[in-house]
Amino acid sequence: MFPAQTLENAIRDEIAAAASDRPTPRGAWEPEVDSLTMVRVVCRVEEELAIKLPDDVMPRGGFDSVDHCVAVVMDTSRKLWNANKPVEERV
């Protein structure tokens, strides 16, 4: 079964950790989830699920909201998970 809650928690944890590691506060003009944060998120997801996410999951310029980032990464991850798992393990 797809570990949706575990994966969502991992994504949100990486975003929060990246924000706390930031030496200066994010500027109002910067995306809420920038490209460096997305690298952390993608690495964590790939490790958690043993899948390879496509480059297009990291849009140029990042994401304007955490929720949008989580939705995109979750959707892409679920599709790859289902494509790579036997039928009885999918969902």
Protein backbone atom coordinates (compact mmCIF):
# COMPACT_ATOMS: atom_id res chain seq x y z
CA MET A 1 0.00 0.00 0.00
CA PHE A 2 1.26 3.48 -0.86
CA PRO A 3 2.58 5.14 2.33
CA ALA A 4 0.75 8.43 1.79
CA GLN A 5 0.84 9.81 5.33
CA THR A 6 4.45 8.79 5.90
CA LEU A 7 5.49 10.38 2.62
CA GLU A 8 3.56 13.59 3.24
CA ASN A 9 5.17 13.87 6.68
CA ALA A 10 8.63 13.33 5.15
CA ILE A 11 8.05 16.03 2.52
CA ARG A 12 6.79 18.54 5.09
CA ASP A 13 9.68 17.66 7.44
CA GLU A 14 12.25 18.35 4.71
CA ILE A 15 10.63 21.67 3.84
CA ALA A 16 10.57 22.71 7.51
CA ALA A 17 14.18 21.59 8.03
CA ALA A 18 15.32 23.54 4.98
CA ALA A 19 13.55 26.66 6.26
CA SER A 20 15.20 26.36 9.67
CA ASP A 21 18.63 25.78 8.08
CA ARG A 22 18.32 28.97 6.09
CA PRO A 23 20.79 31.63 7.31
CA THR A 24 18.46 34.54 6.52
CA PRO A 25 14.68 34.75 6.37
CA ARG A 26 13.04 34.14 3.01
CA GLY A 27 12.28 37.32 1.10
CA ALA A 28 8.67 38.09 0.23
CA TRP A 29 9.53 37.77 -3.47
CA GLU A 30 11.05 34.29 -3.07
CA PRO A 31 9.04 31.10 -3.55
CA GLU A 32 7.99 29.34 -0.36
CA VAL A 33 9.69 26.14 -1.60
CA ASP A 34 12.79 27.01 -3.61
CA SER A 35 14.92 24.79 -5.84
CA LEU A 36 17.43 23.94 -3.10
CA THR A 37 14.64 22.82 -0.83
CA MET A 38 13.21 20.75 -3.68
CA VAL A 39 16.52 18.91 -4.03
CA ARG A 40 16.22 17.90 -0.38
CA VAL A 41 12.59 16.85 -0.84
CA VAL A 42 13.31 14.80 -3.96
CA CYS A 43 16.28 13.03 -2.35
CA ARG A 44 14.16 12.16 0.69
CA VAL A 45 11.25 10.86 -1.39
CA GLU A 46 13.54 8.80 -3.60
CA GLU A 47 15.15 7.31 -0.50
CA GLU A 48 11.83 6.62 1.24
CA LEU A 49 10.17 4.95 -1.76
CA ALA A 50 13.17 3.62 -3.70
CA ILE A 51 11.96 5.38 -6.86
CA LYS A 52 13.48 7.96 -9.20
CA LEU A 53 11.43 11.13 -9.57
CA PRO A 54 11.52 12.94 -12.92
CA ASP A 55 13.20 16.33 -13.16
CA ASP A 56 9.89 18.04 -13.95
CA VAL A 57 8.73 17.49 -10.36
CA MET A 58 11.06 20.41 -9.57
CA PRO A 59 9.65 23.36 -11.52
CA ARG A 60 11.90 26.24 -12.42
CA GLY A 61 11.49 28.85 -9.70
CA GLY A 62 10.12 26.44 -7.10
CA PHE A 63 6.63 26.42 -5.58
CA ASP A 64 4.70 29.37 -4.20
CA SER A 65 3.14 27.22 -1.46
CA VAL A 66 4.05 24.18 0.60
CA ASP A 67 0.65 22.61 -0.08
CA HIS A 68 1.11 22.86 -3.85
CA CYS A 69 4.56 21.30 -3.55
CA VAL A 70 3.25 18.45 -1.41
CA ALA A 71 0.36 17.80 -3.83
CA VAL A 72 2.63 17.64 -6.89
CA VAL A 73 5.27 15.45 -5.26
CA MET A 74 2.65 13.13 -3.75
CA ASP A 75 0.80 12.76 -7.08
CA THR A 76 3.98 12.05 -9.03
CA SER A 77 5.25 9.65 -6.37
CA ARG A 78 1.98 7.73 -6.23
CA LYS A 79 1.94 7.31 -10.03
CA LEU A 80 5.52 6.01 -10.05
CA TRP A 81 4.85 3.76 -7.06
CA ASN A 82 1.82 2.23 -8.76
CA ALA A 83 3.69 1.78 -12.04
CA ASN A 84 6.52 -0.07 -10.29
CA LYS A 85 4.68 -2.27 -7.77
CA PRO A 86 2.79 -5.53 -8.31
CA VAL A 87 -1.00 -5.09 -8.55
CA GLU A 88 -1.66 -6.48 -5.04
CA GLU A 89 0.61 -3.80 -3.48
CA ARG A 90 -0.93 -0.80 -5.28
CA VAL A 91 -3.26 1.83 -3.87
